């Protein structure tokens, strides 16, 4: 049995779900057994099957979207309605193990602000997905100057107060793990990783390798330029500068004259560098505002809720 409604739980476990009927009931039941004091919150993203009913019957509090909004939107809805000081996000398709939840919580107690469940090679869905994730991890590690073991894992635990500071940044699609990880790292919050094993998912994955892979790359660049723009602008400025110098030296040795193209490249180097400096100032202002971010009240229009035993079907 979950914590009484009048007693705020310490932990809220949020499961975004879309057409996970036949699976989600066993997932919720296992969590209810292993974490009887936690708040189990299932956000049904307007499923067309029995997802909401099965989750409620298994003991979860169910919040249902009026229409399909996306995985990230379901996460945001869950965060707005969660009452726990600590938030745990996990998939509703049976891939993540209830035993690993405690690993995340134990790591979080060591002083981290967010802990991510890092999948091993066997936990990646296919060779193409594995290669794509490895490339994203390498790129994100370079941009944040911090080794990132698994950028796209949706299995994570975090402190609710800090996570809500970045809620407005989260996209409505599948890339909320990428956005939240990058935002935490670039804002100076401690992010830890624990190794986990995932089970083969039941059903068809809703992620497109090419479409969502491109989105992940865009989000990495967007978050990095938002929180640490010089990490992007300075290498670009340096590249233009080196190209300009190289062009000038080559052209001068060949003709004894100044190269107009070298001048363009050198000017571009200065302009990009100055844009980076201005962006850094804007970032500092944005960071100060984000630390004072106030969470709005949960909207009533897009969702409706039910308590355990209710039927949102």
C-alpha atoms as a PDB file:
ATOM      1  CA  UNK A   1       0.000   0.000   0.000  1.00  0.00           C
ATOM      2  CA  UNK A   2       1.333   3.440  -0.878  1.00  0.00           C
ATOM      3  CA  UNK A   3       1.897   6.232   1.612  1.00  0.00           C
ATOM      4  CA  UNK A   4      -1.274   7.840   2.940  1.00  0.00           C
ATOM      5  CA  UNK A   5      -2.459  10.838   0.928  1.00  0.00           C
ATOM      6  CA  UNK A   6      -1.987  13.210   3.905  1.00  0.00           C
ATOM      7  CA  UNK A   7       1.618  12.069   4.463  1.00  0.00           C
ATOM      8  CA  UNK A   8       4.028  13.416   1.835  1.00  0.00           C
ATOM      9  CA  UNK A   9       6.122  10.501   0.567  1.00  0.00           C
ATOM     10  CA  UNK A  10       9.892  10.761   0.442  1.00  0.00           C
ATOM     11  CA  UNK A  11      10.051   9.089  -2.967  1.00  0.00           C
ATOM     12  CA  UNK A  12       7.793   9.395  -6.001  1.00  0.00           C
ATOM     13  CA  UNK A  13       8.277   6.843  -8.773  1.00  0.00           C
ATOM     14  CA  UNK A  14       7.009   8.224 -12.085  1.00  0.00           C
ATOM     15  CA  UNK A  15       6.225   5.930 -15.008  1.00  0.00           C
ATOM     16  CA  UNK A  16       5.229   7.535 -18.331  1.00  0.00           C
ATOM     17  CA  UNK A  17       3.121   5.017 -20.210  1.00  0.00           C
ATOM     18  CA  UNK A  18       1.604   4.692 -23.645  1.00  0.00           C
ATOM     19  CA  UNK A  19      -0.131   1.461 -24.676  1.00  0.00           C
ATOM     20  CA  UNK A  20       1.649  -0.691 -22.097  1.00  0.00           C
ATOM     21  CA  UNK A  21      -1.367  -2.844 -21.321  1.00  0.00           C
ATOM     22  CA  UNK A  22      -0.465  -6.388 -20.309  1.00  0.00           C
ATOM     23  CA  UNK A  23       2.875  -5.243 -18.866  1.00  0.00           C
ATOM     24  CA  UNK A  24       2.372  -2.238 -16.650  1.00  0.00           C
ATOM     25  CA  UNK A  25       0.284  -4.083 -14.056  1.00  0.00           C
ATOM     26  CA  UNK A  26       3.162  -6.400 -13.140  1.00  0.00           C
ATOM     27  CA  UNK A  27       5.640  -3.496 -13.134  1.00  0.00           C
ATOM     28  CA  UNK A  28       3.518  -1.456 -10.709  1.00  0.00           C
ATOM     29  CA  UNK A  29       2.802  -4.485  -8.511  1.00  0.00           C
ATOM     30  CA  UNK A  30       6.514  -5.209  -8.141  1.00  0.00           C
ATOM     31  CA  UNK A  31       7.254  -1.597  -7.237  1.00  0.00           C
ATOM     32  CA  UNK A  32       4.381  -1.529  -4.728  1.00  0.00           C
ATOM     33  CA  UNK A  33       5.789  -4.639  -3.084  1.00  0.00           C
ATOM     34  CA  UNK A  34       9.423  -3.432  -2.934  1.00  0.00           C
ATOM     35  CA  UNK A  35       8.667   0.238  -2.115  1.00  0.00           C
ATOM     36  CA  UNK A  36       5.466   0.278  -0.065  1.00  0.00           C
ATOM     37  CA  UNK A  37       6.039   3.839   1.182  1.00  0.00           C
ATOM     38  CA  UNK A  38       6.739   5.359  -2.230  1.00  0.00           C
ATOM     39  CA  UNK A  39       4.234   7.237  -4.333  1.00  0.00           C
ATOM     40  CA  UNK A  40       3.644   5.305  -7.561  1.00  0.00           C
ATOM     41  CA  UNK A  41       2.525   7.697 -10.259  1.00  0.00           C
ATOM     42  CA  UNK A  42       1.651   6.458 -13.755  1.00  0.00           C
ATOM     43  CA  UNK A  43       1.088   9.095 -16.438  1.00  0.00           C
ATOM     44  CA  UNK A  44      -1.039   7.569 -19.164  1.00  0.00           C
ATOM     45  CA  UNK A  45      -0.326   9.422 -22.414  1.00  0.00           C
ATOM     46  CA  UNK A  46      -3.817   8.812 -23.826  1.00  0.00           C
ATOM     47  CA  UNK A  47      -3.333   5.090 -24.384  1.00  0.00           C
ATOM     48  CA  UNK A  48      -5.818   3.246 -26.554  1.00  0.00           C
ATOM     49  CA  UNK A  49      -5.617   0.060 -24.504  1.00  0.00           C
ATOM     50  CA  UNK A  50      -6.103  -0.881 -20.839  1.00  0.00           C
ATOM     51  CA  UNK A  51      -2.932   0.802 -19.548  1.00  0.00           C
ATOM     52  CA  UNK A  52      -4.683   3.221 -17.163  1.00  0.00           C
ATOM     53  CA  UNK A  53      -7.019   0.592 -15.725  1.00  0.00           C
ATOM     54  CA  UNK A  54      -4.280  -1.992 -15.140  1.00  0.00           C
ATOM     55  CA  UNK A  55      -2.005   0.571 -13.496  1.00  0.00           C
ATOM     56  CA  UNK A  56      -4.753   1.777 -11.144  1.00  0.00           C
ATOM     57  CA  UNK A  57      -5.767  -1.774 -10.217  1.00  0.00           C
ATOM     58  CA  UNK A  58      -2.126  -2.582  -9.389  1.00  0.00           C
ATOM     59  CA  UNK A  59      -1.996   0.291  -6.897  1.00  0.00           C
ATOM     60  CA  UNK A  60      -0.703   3.295  -8.815  1.00  0.00           C
ATOM     61  CA  UNK A  61      -2.066   6.787  -8.865  1.00  0.00           C
ATOM     62  CA  UNK A  62      -2.952   7.438 -12.498  1.00  0.00           C
ATOM     63  CA  UNK A  63      -2.889  10.752 -14.333  1.00  0.00           C
ATOM     64  CA  UNK A  64      -4.309  10.579 -17.862  1.00  0.00           C
ATOM     65  CA  UNK A  65      -3.588  12.983 -20.707  1.00  0.00           C
ATOM     66  CA  UNK A  66      -6.564  14.094 -22.772  1.00  0.00           C
ATOM     67  CA  UNK A  67      -4.555  13.470 -25.934  1.00  0.00           C
ATOM     68  CA  UNK A  68      -1.160  11.995 -26.832  1.00  0.00           C
ATOM     69  CA  UNK A  69       1.527  14.537 -25.907  1.00  0.00           C
ATOM     70  CA  UNK A  70       4.752  12.556 -25.861  1.00  0.00           C
ATOM     71  CA  UNK A  71       7.090  10.920 -23.376  1.00  0.00           C
ATOM     72  CA  UNK A  72       8.645  14.183 -22.216  1.00  0.00           C
ATOM     73  CA  UNK A  73       5.237  15.745 -21.664  1.00  0.00           C
ATOM     74  CA  UNK A  74       4.271  12.735 -19.540  1.00  0.00           C
ATOM     75  CA  UNK A  75       7.407  13.238 -17.454  1.00  0.00           C
ATOM     76  CA  UNK A  76       6.549  16.897 -16.910  1.00  0.00           C
ATOM     77  CA  UNK A  77       3.001  16.011 -15.911  1.00  0.00           C
ATOM     78  CA  UNK A  78       4.324  13.464 -13.442  1.00  0.00           C
ATOM     79  CA  UNK A  79       6.758  15.946 -11.908  1.00  0.00           C
ATOM     80  CA  UNK A  80       4.027  18.558 -11.492  1.00  0.00           C
ATOM     81  CA  UNK A  81       1.812  16.094  -9.624  1.00  0.00           C
ATOM     82  CA  UNK A  82       4.510  14.233  -7.656  1.00  0.00           C
ATOM     83  CA  UNK A  83       4.667  14.894  -3.906  1.00  0.00           C
ATOM     84  CA  UNK A  84       7.966  13.215  -3.077  1.00  0.00           C
ATOM     85  CA  UNK A  85      11.265  14.940  -2.275  1.00  0.00           C
ATOM     86  CA  UNK A  86      13.035  12.453  -4.532  1.00  0.00           C
ATOM     87  CA  UNK A  87      11.838  11.565  -8.023  1.00  0.00           C
ATOM     88  CA  UNK A  88      12.541   8.282  -9.782  1.00  0.00           C
ATOM     89  CA  UNK A  89      11.797   7.964 -13.496  1.00  0.00           C
ATOM     90  CA  UNK A  90      11.543   4.566 -15.131  1.00  0.00           C
ATOM     91  CA  UNK A  91       9.955   3.000 -18.190  1.00  0.00           C
ATOM     92  CA  UNK A  92       6.635   1.207 -17.898  1.00  0.00           C
ATOM     93  CA  UNK A  93       7.490  -1.506 -20.416  1.00  0.00           C
ATOM     94  CA  UNK A  94       9.274  -3.869 -18.031  1.00  0.00           C
ATOM     95  CA  UNK A  95      12.827  -3.058 -19.147  1.00  0.00           C
ATOM     96  CA  UNK A  96      13.884  -1.554 -15.836  1.00  0.00           C
ATOM     97  CA  UNK A  97      14.145  -3.639 -12.701  1.00  0.00           C
ATOM     98  CA  UNK A  98      12.616  -2.670  -9.382  1.00  0.00           C
ATOM     99  CA  UNK A  99      15.800  -3.874  -7.651  1.00  0.00           C
ATOM    100  CA  UNK A 100      17.832  -1.232  -9.479  1.00  0.00           C
ATOM    101  CA  UNK A 101      15.686   1.566  -8.058  1.00  0.00           C
ATOM    102  CA  UNK A 102      17.402   1.089  -4.719  1.00  0.00           C
ATOM    103  CA  UNK A 103      20.803   1.383  -6.430  1.00  0.00           C
ATOM    104  CA  UNK A 104      19.834   4.791  -7.743  1.00  0.00           C
ATOM    105  CA  UNK A 105      18.552   5.937  -4.351  1.00  0.00           C
ATOM    106  CA  UNK A 106      21.678   4.704  -2.550  1.00  0.00           C
ATOM    107  CA  UNK A 107      23.905   6.566  -5.013  1.00  0.00           C
ATOM    108  CA  UNK A 108      21.785   9.688  -4.633  1.00  0.00           C
ATOM    109  CA  UNK A 109      22.316   9.538  -0.861  1.00  0.00           C
ATOM    110  CA  UNK A 110      26.067   9.895  -1.477  1.00  0.00           C
ATOM    111  CA  UNK A 111      25.477  13.544  -2.323  1.00  0.00           C
ATOM    112  CA  UNK A 112      24.574  13.490  -6.008  1.00  0.00           C
ATOM    113  CA  UNK A 113      21.804  15.658  -7.412  1.00  0.00           C
ATOM    114  CA  UNK A 114      20.896  13.184 -10.160  1.00  0.00           C
ATOM    115  CA  UNK A 115      21.801   9.541 -10.682  1.00  0.00           C
ATOM    116  CA  UNK A 116      21.387   7.848 -14.054  1.00  0.00           C
ATOM    117  CA  UNK A 117      21.099   4.127 -14.671  1.00  0.00           C
ATOM    118  CA  UNK A 118      23.805   3.398 -17.258  1.00  0.00           C
ATOM    119  CA  UNK A 119      23.011   0.451 -19.518  1.00  0.00           C
ATOM    120  CA  UNK A 120      25.691  -2.009 -20.526  1.00  0.00           C
ATOM    121  CA  UNK A 121      26.309  -3.019 -24.148  1.00  0.00           C
ATOM    122  CA  UNK A 122      23.821  -5.856 -23.904  1.00  0.00           C
ATOM    123  CA  UNK A 123      21.133  -3.428 -22.787  1.00  0.00           C
ATOM    124  CA  UNK A 124      21.190  -1.443 -26.039  1.00  0.00           C
ATOM    125  CA  UNK A 125      18.435  -2.143 -28.554  1.00  0.00           C
ATOM    126  CA  UNK A 126      20.446  -3.220 -31.572  1.00  0.00           C
ATOM    127  CA  UNK A 127      23.853  -2.348 -33.032  1.00  0.00           C
ATOM    128  CA  UNK A 128      22.698   0.860 -34.723  1.00  0.00           C
ATOM    129  CA  UNK A 129      21.155   2.162 -31.505  1.00  0.00           C
ATOM    130  CA  UNK A 130      24.327   1.187 -29.618  1.00  0.00           C
ATOM    131  CA  UNK A 131      26.555   3.033 -32.091  1.00  0.00           C
ATOM    132  CA  UNK A 132      24.309   6.095 -32.028  1.00  0.00           C
ATOM    133  CA  UNK A 133      24.278   6.219 -28.227  1.00  0.00           C
ATOM    134  CA  UNK A 134      28.057   5.804 -28.030  1.00  0.00           C
ATOM    135  CA  UNK A 135      28.563   8.724 -30.418  1.00  0.00           C
ATOM    136  CA  UNK A 136      26.125  10.888 -28.459  1.00  0.00           C
ATOM    137  CA  UNK A 137      27.864   9.982 -25.194  1.00  0.00           C
ATOM    138  CA  UNK A 138      31.261  10.965 -26.625  1.00  0.00           C
ATOM    139  CA  UNK A 139      29.986  14.248 -28.024  1.00  0.00           C
ATOM    140  CA  UNK A 140      28.138  15.165 -24.849  1.00  0.00           C
ATOM    141  CA  UNK A 141      31.210  14.265 -22.753  1.00  0.00           C
ATOM    142  CA  UNK A 142      33.315  16.642 -24.840  1.00  0.00           C
ATOM    143  CA  UNK A 143      30.814  19.472 -24.654  1.00  0.00           C
ATOM    144  CA  UNK A 144      30.321  19.173 -20.892  1.00  0.00           C
ATOM    145  CA  UNK A 145      33.921  18.208 -19.978  1.00  0.00           C
ATOM    146  CA  UNK A 146      32.487  15.325 -17.938  1.00  0.00           C
ATOM    147  CA  UNK A 147      32.385  11.642 -18.801  1.00  0.00           C
ATOM    148  CA  UNK A 148      28.791  10.688 -19.586  1.00  0.00           C
ATOM    149  CA  UNK A 149      28.215   6.954 -19.459  1.00  0.00           C
ATOM    150  CA  UNK A 150      24.639   6.919 -20.750  1.00  0.00           C
ATOM    151  CA  UNK A 151      23.067  10.115 -22.042  1.00  0.00           C
ATOM    152  CA  UNK A 152      19.726   8.710 -23.202  1.00  0.00           C
ATOM    153  CA  UNK A 153      18.786   6.400 -20.325  1.00  0.00           C
ATOM    154  CA  UNK A 154      15.320   7.233 -19.002  1.00  0.00           C
ATOM    155  CA  UNK A 155      15.973   5.375 -15.748  1.00  0.00           C
ATOM    156  CA  UNK A 156      17.132   7.937 -13.208  1.00  0.00           C
ATOM    157  CA  UNK A 157      16.613   9.425  -9.752  1.00  0.00           C
ATOM    158  CA  UNK A 158      16.879  13.093  -8.856  1.00  0.00           C
ATOM    159  CA  UNK A 159      16.056  15.645  -6.228  1.00  0.00           C
ATOM    160  CA  UNK A 160      12.650  17.117  -7.014  1.00  0.00           C
ATOM    161  CA  UNK A 161      13.488  20.685  -6.021  1.00  0.00           C
ATOM    162  CA  UNK A 162      16.430  20.847  -8.433  1.00  0.00           C
ATOM    163  CA  UNK A 163      14.743  18.988 -11.280  1.00  0.00           C
ATOM    164  CA  UNK A 164      11.827  21.416 -11.271  1.00  0.00           C
ATOM    165  CA  UNK A 165      14.229  24.280 -11.996  1.00  0.00           C
ATOM    166  CA  UNK A 166      14.716  22.843 -15.492  1.00  0.00           C
ATOM    167  CA  UNK A 167      11.200  21.603 -16.154  1.00  0.00           C
ATOM    168  CA  UNK A 168      10.521  24.339 -18.700  1.00  0.00           C
ATOM    169  CA  UNK A 169      13.509  23.171 -20.770  1.00  0.00           C
ATOM    170  CA  UNK A 170      12.262  19.630 -21.278  1.00  0.00           C
ATOM    171  CA  UNK A 171      10.891  18.796 -24.737  1.00  0.00           C
ATOM    172  CA  UNK A 172       7.669  16.861 -25.117  1.00  0.00           C
ATOM    173  CA  UNK A 173       9.335  14.042 -27.063  1.00  0.00           C
ATOM    174  CA  UNK A 174      11.696  11.250 -26.075  1.00  0.00           C
ATOM    175  CA  UNK A 175      14.760  13.406 -25.446  1.00  0.00           C
ATOM    176  CA  UNK A 176      14.005  14.521 -21.899  1.00  0.00           C
ATOM    177  CA  UNK A 177      16.912  12.370 -20.542  1.00  0.00           C
ATOM    178  CA  UNK A 178      19.366  14.155 -22.839  1.00  0.00           C
ATOM    179  CA  UNK A 179      18.076  17.598 -21.900  1.00  0.00           C
ATOM    180  CA  UNK A 180      17.989  16.999 -18.146  1.00  0.00           C
ATOM    181  CA  UNK A 181      21.466  15.423 -18.039  1.00  0.00           C
ATOM    182  CA  UNK A 182      23.055  18.239 -20.046  1.00  0.00           C
ATOM    183  CA  UNK A 183      21.241  20.920 -18.056  1.00  0.00           C
ATOM    184  CA  UNK A 184      22.352  19.460 -14.715  1.00  0.00           C
ATOM    185  CA  UNK A 185      25.986  19.090 -15.790  1.00  0.00           C
ATOM    186  CA  UNK A 186      26.300  22.520 -17.375  1.00  0.00           C
ATOM    187  CA  UNK A 187      24.679  24.129 -14.303  1.00  0.00           C
ATOM    188  CA  UNK A 188      27.207  22.611 -11.937  1.00  0.00           C
ATOM    189  CA  UNK A 189      25.026  19.944 -10.343  1.00  0.00           C
ATOM    190  CA  UNK A 190      26.518  16.556  -9.494  1.00  0.00           C
ATOM    191  CA  UNK A 191      25.418  13.747 -11.818  1.00  0.00           C
ATOM    192  CA  UNK A 192      26.361  10.157 -11.017  1.00  0.00           C
ATOM    193  CA  UNK A 193      25.973   6.894 -12.907  1.00  0.00           C
ATOM    194  CA  UNK A 194      25.307   3.348 -11.764  1.00  0.00           C
ATOM    195  CA  UNK A 195      25.489   0.272 -13.957  1.00  0.00           C
ATOM    196  CA  UNK A 196      22.204  -1.502 -14.574  1.00  0.00           C
ATOM    197  CA  UNK A 197      20.979  -4.384 -16.668  1.00  0.00           C
ATOM    198  CA  UNK A 198      17.813  -3.990 -18.669  1.00  0.00           C
ATOM    199  CA  UNK A 199      15.371  -6.628 -19.788  1.00  0.00           C
ATOM    200  CA  UNK A 200      14.266  -6.936 -23.419  1.00  0.00           C
ATOM    201  CA  UNK A 201      11.315  -4.626 -23.869  1.00  0.00           C
ATOM    202  CA  UNK A 202       7.921  -6.147 -24.487  1.00  0.00           C
ATOM    203  CA  UNK A 203       6.340  -4.589 -27.545  1.00  0.00           C
ATOM    204  CA  UNK A 204       7.670  -2.275 -30.224  1.00  0.00           C
ATOM    205  CA  UNK A 205       9.966   0.638 -29.455  1.00  0.00           C
ATOM    206  CA  UNK A 206       8.461   4.063 -30.115  1.00  0.00           C
ATOM    207  CA  UNK A 207      11.840   5.718 -30.820  1.00  0.00           C
ATOM    208  CA  UNK A 208      13.012   6.397 -34.376  1.00  0.00           C
ATOM    209  CA  UNK A 209      16.789   6.038 -34.715  1.00  0.00           C
ATOM    210  CA  UNK A 210      17.278   8.711 -37.385  1.00  0.00           C
ATOM    211  CA  UNK A 211      14.554  11.170 -36.386  1.00  0.00           C
ATOM    212  CA  UNK A 212      15.195  11.096 -32.641  1.00  0.00           C
ATOM    213  CA  UNK A 213      18.974  10.811 -33.137  1.00  0.00           C
ATOM    214  CA  UNK A 214      18.965  14.143 -34.984  1.00  0.00           C
ATOM    215  CA  UNK A 215      16.797  15.632 -32.256  1.00  0.00           C
ATOM    216  CA  UNK A 216      19.258  14.460 -29.614  1.00  0.00           C
ATOM    217  CA  UNK A 217      22.138  16.176 -31.444  1.00  0.00           C
ATOM    218  CA  UNK A 218      20.177  19.416 -31.732  1.00  0.00           C
ATOM    219  CA  UNK A 219      19.261  19.298 -28.051  1.00  0.00           C
ATOM    220  CA  UNK A 220      22.880  18.685 -27.018  1.00  0.00           C
ATOM    221  CA  UNK A 221      23.983  21.772 -28.929  1.00  0.00           C
ATOM    222  CA  UNK A 222      21.036  23.828 -27.676  1.00  0.00           C
ATOM    223  CA  UNK A 223      21.588  23.009 -24.012  1.00  0.00           C
ATOM    224  CA  UNK A 224      25.353  23.473 -24.279  1.00  0.00           C
ATOM    225  CA  UNK A 225      25.017  26.885 -25.918  1.00  0.00           C
ATOM    226  CA  UNK A 226      22.404  27.790 -23.332  1.00  0.00           C
ATOM    227  CA  UNK A 227      24.535  26.913 -20.309  1.00  0.00           C
ATOM    228  CA  UNK A 228      28.130  27.123 -21.627  1.00  0.00           C
ATOM    229  CA  UNK A 229      28.233  28.844 -25.017  1.00  0.00           C
ATOM    230  CA  UNK A 230      32.018  29.387 -25.103  1.00  0.00           C
ATOM    231  CA  UNK A 231      32.425  25.621 -25.191  1.00  0.00           C
ATOM    232  CA  UNK A 232      31.024  25.894 -28.729  1.00  0.00           C
ATOM    233  CA  UNK A 233      31.916  29.426 -29.850  1.00  0.00           C
ATOM    234  CA  UNK A 234      35.574  29.405 -28.798  1.00  0.00           C
ATOM    235  CA  UNK A 235      36.557  26.325 -30.879  1.00  0.00           C
ATOM    236  CA  UNK A 236      34.705  27.838 -33.844  1.00  0.00           C
ATOM    237  CA  UNK A 237      36.498  31.158 -33.377  1.00  0.00           C
ATOM    238  CA  UNK A 238      39.860  29.423 -33.063  1.00  0.00           C
ATOM    239  CA  UNK A 239      39.187  27.416 -36.233  1.00  0.00           C
ATOM    240  CA  UNK A 240      38.405  30.558 -38.241  1.00  0.00           C
ATOM    241  CA  UNK A 241      41.510  32.242 -36.826  1.00  0.00           C
ATOM    242  CA  UNK A 242      43.829  29.374 -37.745  1.00  0.00           C
ATOM    243  CA  UNK A 243      42.310  29.111 -41.218  1.00  0.00           C
ATOM    244  CA  UNK A 244      42.736  32.868 -41.688  1.00  0.00           C
ATOM    245  CA  UNK A 245      46.381  32.803 -40.618  1.00  0.00           C
ATOM    246  CA  UNK A 246      47.102  29.767 -42.783  1.00  0.00           C
ATOM    247  CA  UNK A 247      45.413  31.374 -45.779  1.00  0.00           C
ATOM    248  CA  UNK A 248      47.318  34.625 -45.281  1.00  0.00           C
ATOM    249  CA  UNK A 249      50.712  32.917 -44.963  1.00  0.00           C
ATOM    250  CA  UNK A 250      50.148  30.702 -47.997  1.00  0.00           C
ATOM    251  CA  UNK A 251      48.845  33.550 -50.170  1.00  0.00           C
ATOM    252  CA  UNK A 252      51.600  35.955 -49.048  1.00  0.00           C
ATOM    253  CA  UNK A 253      54.363  33.434 -49.783  1.00  0.00           C
ATOM    254  CA  UNK A 254      52.847  32.726 -53.198  1.00  0.00           C
ATOM    255  CA  UNK A 255      52.030  36.270 -54.318  1.00  0.00           C
ATOM    256  CA  UNK A 256      53.530  38.669 -51.799  1.00  0.00           C
ATOM    257  CA  UNK A 257      50.095  40.251 -51.315  1.00  0.00           C
ATOM    258  CA  UNK A 258      47.432  40.200 -48.631  1.00  0.00           C
ATOM    259  CA  UNK A 259      44.561  37.736 -49.097  1.00  0.00           C
ATOM    260  CA  UNK A 260      41.068  39.184 -48.814  1.00  0.00           C
ATOM    261  CA  UNK A 261      39.775  35.719 -47.900  1.00  0.00           C
ATOM    262  CA  UNK A 262      42.233  35.638 -44.988  1.00  0.00           C
ATOM    263  CA  UNK A 263      40.805  38.960 -43.829  1.00  0.00           C
ATOM    264  CA  UNK A 264      37.259  37.591 -43.983  1.00  0.00           C
ATOM    265  CA  UNK A 265      38.256  34.548 -41.936  1.00  0.00           C
ATOM    266  CA  UNK A 266      40.048  36.644 -39.304  1.00  0.00           C
ATOM    267  CA  UNK A 267      37.093  39.010 -38.990  1.00  0.00           C
ATOM    268  CA  UNK A 268      34.766  36.020 -38.682  1.00  0.00           C
ATOM    269  CA  UNK A 269      36.986  34.693 -35.898  1.00  0.00           C
ATOM    270  CA  UNK A 270      36.663  37.942 -33.946  1.00  0.00           C
ATOM    271  CA  UNK A 271      32.894  38.170 -34.523  1.00  0.00           C
ATOM    272  CA  UNK A 272      32.265  34.572 -33.383  1.00  0.00           C
ATOM    273  CA  UNK A 273      34.421  35.129 -30.296  1.00  0.00           C
ATOM    274  CA  UNK A 274      32.528  38.303 -29.377  1.00  0.00           C
ATOM    275  CA  UNK A 275      29.184  36.548 -29.866  1.00  0.00           C
ATOM    276  CA  UNK A 276      30.439  33.872 -27.492  1.00  0.00           C
ATOM    277  CA  UNK A 277      31.335  36.479 -24.878  1.00  0.00           C
ATOM    278  CA  UNK A 278      27.912  38.096 -25.105  1.00  0.00           C
ATOM    279  CA  UNK A 279      26.280  34.669 -24.891  1.00  0.00           C
ATOM    280  CA  UNK A 280      28.277  33.924 -21.743  1.00  0.00           C
ATOM    281  CA  UNK A 281      26.854  37.054 -20.115  1.00  0.00           C
ATOM    282  CA  UNK A 282      23.324  36.068 -21.091  1.00  0.00           C
ATOM    283  CA  UNK A 283      23.995  32.580 -19.743  1.00  0.00           C
ATOM    284  CA  UNK A 284      25.107  33.990 -16.398  1.00  0.00           C
ATOM    285  CA  UNK A 285      21.872  35.978 -16.174  1.00  0.00           C
ATOM    286  CA  UNK A 286      19.782  32.968 -17.217  1.00  0.00           C
ATOM    287  CA  UNK A 287      21.524  30.744 -14.682  1.00  0.00           C
ATOM    288  CA  UNK A 288      20.768  33.172 -11.877  1.00  0.00           C
ATOM    289  CA  UNK A 289      17.111  33.296 -12.883  1.00  0.00           C
ATOM    290  CA  UNK A 290      16.833  29.514 -13.242  1.00  0.00           C
ATOM    291  CA  UNK A 291      18.036  29.015  -9.674  1.00  0.00           C
ATOM    292  CA  UNK A 292      15.035  31.052  -8.536  1.00  0.00           C
ATOM    293  CA  UNK A 293      12.631  29.235 -10.811  1.00  0.00           C
ATOM    294  CA  UNK A 294       9.209  28.842  -9.207  1.00  0.00           C
ATOM    295  CA  UNK A 295       7.091  25.840 -10.075  1.00  0.00           C
ATOM    296  CA  UNK A 296       3.621  26.663 -11.340  1.00  0.00           C
ATOM    297  CA  UNK A 297       0.518  24.908 -10.134  1.00  0.00           C
ATOM    298  CA  UNK A 298      -0.432  21.763 -12.099  1.00  0.00           C
ATOM    299  CA  UNK A 299      -2.716  22.623 -15.011  1.00  0.00           C
ATOM    300  CA  UNK A 300      -6.158  21.107 -14.844  1.00  0.00           C
ATOM    301  CA  UNK A 301      -7.081  21.152 -18.524  1.00  0.00           C
ATOM    302  CA  UNK A 302      -4.842  18.552 -20.219  1.00  0.00           C
ATOM    303  CA  UNK A 303      -5.055  15.782 -17.617  1.00  0.00           C
ATOM    304  CA  UNK A 304      -7.391  14.053 -15.251  1.00  0.00           C
ATOM    305  CA  UNK A 305      -6.356  11.931 -12.297  1.00  0.00           C
ATOM    306  CA  UNK A 306      -7.528   8.892 -10.392  1.00  0.00           C
ATOM    307  CA  UNK A 307      -6.434   7.252  -7.180  1.00  0.00           C
ATOM    308  CA  UNK A 308      -5.573   3.555  -6.843  1.00  0.00           C
ATOM    309  CA  UNK A 309      -8.516   1.435  -7.710  1.00  0.00           C
ATOM    310  CA  UNK A 310     -10.016   4.040 -10.025  1.00  0.00           C
ATOM    311  CA  UNK A 311     -10.594   3.527 -13.745  1.00  0.00           C
ATOM    312  CA  UNK A 312      -9.283   6.082 -16.192  1.00  0.00           C
ATOM    313  CA  UNK A 313      -9.884   3.915 -19.183  1.00  0.00           C
END
